[in-house]
Amino acid sequence: MLPFDNRPWAKTVARTVIALSLLAALAGAYYCYETDQLNIPECAIIFLLLLTILPPNIAIVLRKPHSDDSGQVATAQLRTAK
């Protein structure tokens, strides 16, 4: 699912992914903290995982309902490149 993808269910899925990602990161960090394994590498891994998951989903959630032009431009560019 890409930020310029027009699907009626995209915002709901993006919100769910954001919530579950944050919940999993907090649960994983708490588990590592309780077992005395929360060190800098584990914090970096959690941060990098969130950095790869959250920005595209946040872009989908914050997209205005009628901002179809970016998707159409990207699709048009892909069609002309072929």
C-alpha atoms as a PDB file:
ATOM      1  CA  MET A   1       0.000   0.000   0.000  1.00  0.00           C
ATOM      2  CA  LEU A   2       1.571   3.240  -1.145  1.00  0.00           C
ATOM      3  CA  PRO A   3       0.751   6.801  -0.017  1.00  0.00           C
ATOM      4  CA  PHE A   4      -0.756   7.673  -3.423  1.00  0.00           C
ATOM      5  CA  ASP A   5      -2.832   4.502  -3.557  1.00  0.00           C
ATOM      6  CA  ASN A   6      -6.583   5.246  -3.635  1.00  0.00           C
ATOM      7  CA  ARG A   7      -8.404   2.613  -1.652  1.00  0.00           C
ATOM      8  CA  PRO A   8     -11.501   3.231   0.488  1.00  0.00           C
ATOM      9  CA  TRP A   9     -10.086   1.144   3.338  1.00  0.00           C
ATOM     10  CA  ALA A  10      -6.520   2.539   3.246  1.00  0.00           C
ATOM     11  CA  LYS A  11      -6.896   5.003   6.141  1.00  0.00           C
ATOM     12  CA  THR A  12      -8.420   2.365   8.414  1.00  0.00           C
ATOM     13  CA  VAL A  13      -5.636  -0.101   7.675  1.00  0.00           C
ATOM     14  CA  ALA A  14      -2.977   2.597   8.123  1.00  0.00           C
ATOM     15  CA  ARG A  15      -4.393   3.611  11.506  1.00  0.00           C
ATOM     16  CA  THR A  16      -4.480  -0.030  12.592  1.00  0.00           C
ATOM     17  CA  VAL A  17      -0.893  -0.584  11.464  1.00  0.00           C
ATOM     18  CA  ILE A  18       0.271   2.528  13.336  1.00  0.00           C
ATOM     19  CA  ALA A  19      -1.492   1.512  16.541  1.00  0.00           C
ATOM     20  CA  LEU A  20      -0.293  -2.093  16.439  1.00  0.00           C
ATOM     21  CA  SER A  21       3.270  -1.032  15.581  1.00  0.00           C
ATOM     22  CA  LEU A  22       3.459   1.322  18.543  1.00  0.00           C
ATOM     23  CA  LEU A  23       1.893  -1.254  20.836  1.00  0.00           C
ATOM     24  CA  ALA A  24       4.335  -3.952  19.674  1.00  0.00           C
ATOM     25  CA  ALA A  25       7.304  -1.594  20.082  1.00  0.00           C
ATOM     26  CA  LEU A  26       6.246  -0.704  23.611  1.00  0.00           C
ATOM     27  CA  ALA A  27       5.612  -4.338  24.532  1.00  0.00           C
ATOM     28  CA  GLY A  28       8.950  -5.412  23.064  1.00  0.00           C
ATOM     29  CA  ALA A  29      10.822  -2.625  24.821  1.00  0.00           C
ATOM     30  CA  TYR A  30       9.130  -3.454  28.130  1.00  0.00           C
ATOM     31  CA  TYR A  31       9.940  -7.153  27.740  1.00  0.00           C
ATOM     32  CA  CYS A  32      13.583  -6.362  27.003  1.00  0.00           C
ATOM     33  CA  TYR A  33      13.674  -3.982  29.968  1.00  0.00           C
ATOM     34  CA  GLU A  34      12.241  -6.608  32.334  1.00  0.00           C
ATOM     35  CA  THR A  35      14.758  -9.233  31.211  1.00  0.00           C
ATOM     36  CA  ASP A  36      17.642  -6.713  31.462  1.00  0.00           C
ATOM     37  CA  GLN A  37      18.338  -6.914  27.729  1.00  0.00           C
ATOM     38  CA  LEU A  38      17.335  -3.394  26.742  1.00  0.00           C
ATOM     39  CA  ASN A  39      20.607  -1.969  25.500  1.00  0.00           C
ATOM     40  CA  ILE A  40      21.481   0.546  22.795  1.00  0.00           C
ATOM     41  CA  PRO A  41      21.325  -1.996  19.925  1.00  0.00           C
ATOM     42  CA  GLU A  42      17.825  -3.090  20.913  1.00  0.00           C
ATOM     43  CA  CYS A  43      16.675   0.529  21.156  1.00  0.00           C
ATOM     44  CA  ALA A  44      18.158   1.208  17.724  1.00  0.00           C
ATOM     45  CA  ILE A  45      16.396  -1.831  16.238  1.00  0.00           C
ATOM     46  CA  ILE A  46      13.039  -0.737  17.663  1.00  0.00           C
ATOM     47  CA  PHE A  47      13.578   2.808  16.381  1.00  0.00           C
ATOM     48  CA  LEU A  48      14.568   1.645  12.900  1.00  0.00           C
ATOM     49  CA  LEU A  49      11.588  -0.696  12.673  1.00  0.00           C
ATOM     50  CA  LEU A  50       9.249   2.127  13.602  1.00  0.00           C
ATOM     51  CA  LEU A  51      11.044   4.418  11.135  1.00  0.00           C
ATOM     52  CA  THR A  52      10.300   2.014   8.291  1.00  0.00           C
ATOM     53  CA  ILE A  53       6.683   1.316   9.246  1.00  0.00           C
ATOM     54  CA  LEU A  54       5.253   4.617  10.464  1.00  0.00           C
ATOM     55  CA  PRO A  55       6.055   7.313   7.830  1.00  0.00           C
ATOM     56  CA  PRO A  56       4.209   5.729   4.864  1.00  0.00           C
ATOM     57  CA  ASN A  57       1.198   4.990   7.043  1.00  0.00           C
ATOM     58  CA  ILE A  58       1.195   8.479   8.519  1.00  0.00           C
ATOM     59  CA  ALA A  59       1.266   9.877   4.966  1.00  0.00           C
ATOM     60  CA  ILE A  60      -1.824   7.810   4.139  1.00  0.00           C
ATOM     61  CA  VAL A  61      -3.677   8.947   7.265  1.00  0.00           C
ATOM     62  CA  LEU A  62      -2.832  12.639   6.733  1.00  0.00           C
ATOM     63  CA  ARG A  63      -3.694  12.637   3.034  1.00  0.00           C
ATOM     64  CA  LYS A  64      -6.598  14.850   2.104  1.00  0.00           C
ATOM     65  CA  PRO A  65      -9.585  13.058   0.552  1.00  0.00           C
ATOM     66  CA  HIS A  66      -9.268  14.752  -2.850  1.00  0.00           C
ATOM     67  CA  SER A  67      -5.492  14.789  -3.279  1.00  0.00           C
ATOM     68  CA  ASP A  68      -5.523  12.353  -6.191  1.00  0.00           C
ATOM     69  CA  ASP A  69      -3.115  14.358  -8.338  1.00  0.00           C
ATOM     70  CA  SER A  70       0.075  12.855  -6.888  1.00  0.00           C
ATOM     71  CA  GLY A  71      -1.121   9.341  -7.586  1.00  0.00           C
ATOM     72  CA  GLN A  72      -2.201  10.205 -11.088  1.00  0.00           C
ATOM     73  CA  VAL A  73       1.101  11.922 -11.831  1.00  0.00           C
ATOM     74  CA  ALA A  74       3.072   8.938 -10.530  1.00  0.00           C
ATOM     75  CA  THR A  75       0.926   6.534 -12.533  1.00  0.00           C
ATOM     76  CA  ALA A  76       1.273   8.669 -15.652  1.00  0.00           C
ATOM     77  CA  GLN A  77       5.032   8.787 -15.238  1.00  0.00           C
ATOM     78  CA  LEU A  78       5.179   5.006 -14.904  1.00  0.00           C
ATOM     79  CA  ARG A  79       3.074   4.558 -18.035  1.00  0.00           C
ATOM     80  CA  THR A  80       5.183   6.930 -20.109  1.00  0.00           C
ATOM     81  CA  ALA A  81       8.424   5.327 -18.906  1.00  0.00           C
ATOM     82  CA  LYS A  82       7.443   1.977 -20.436  1.00  0.00           C
END
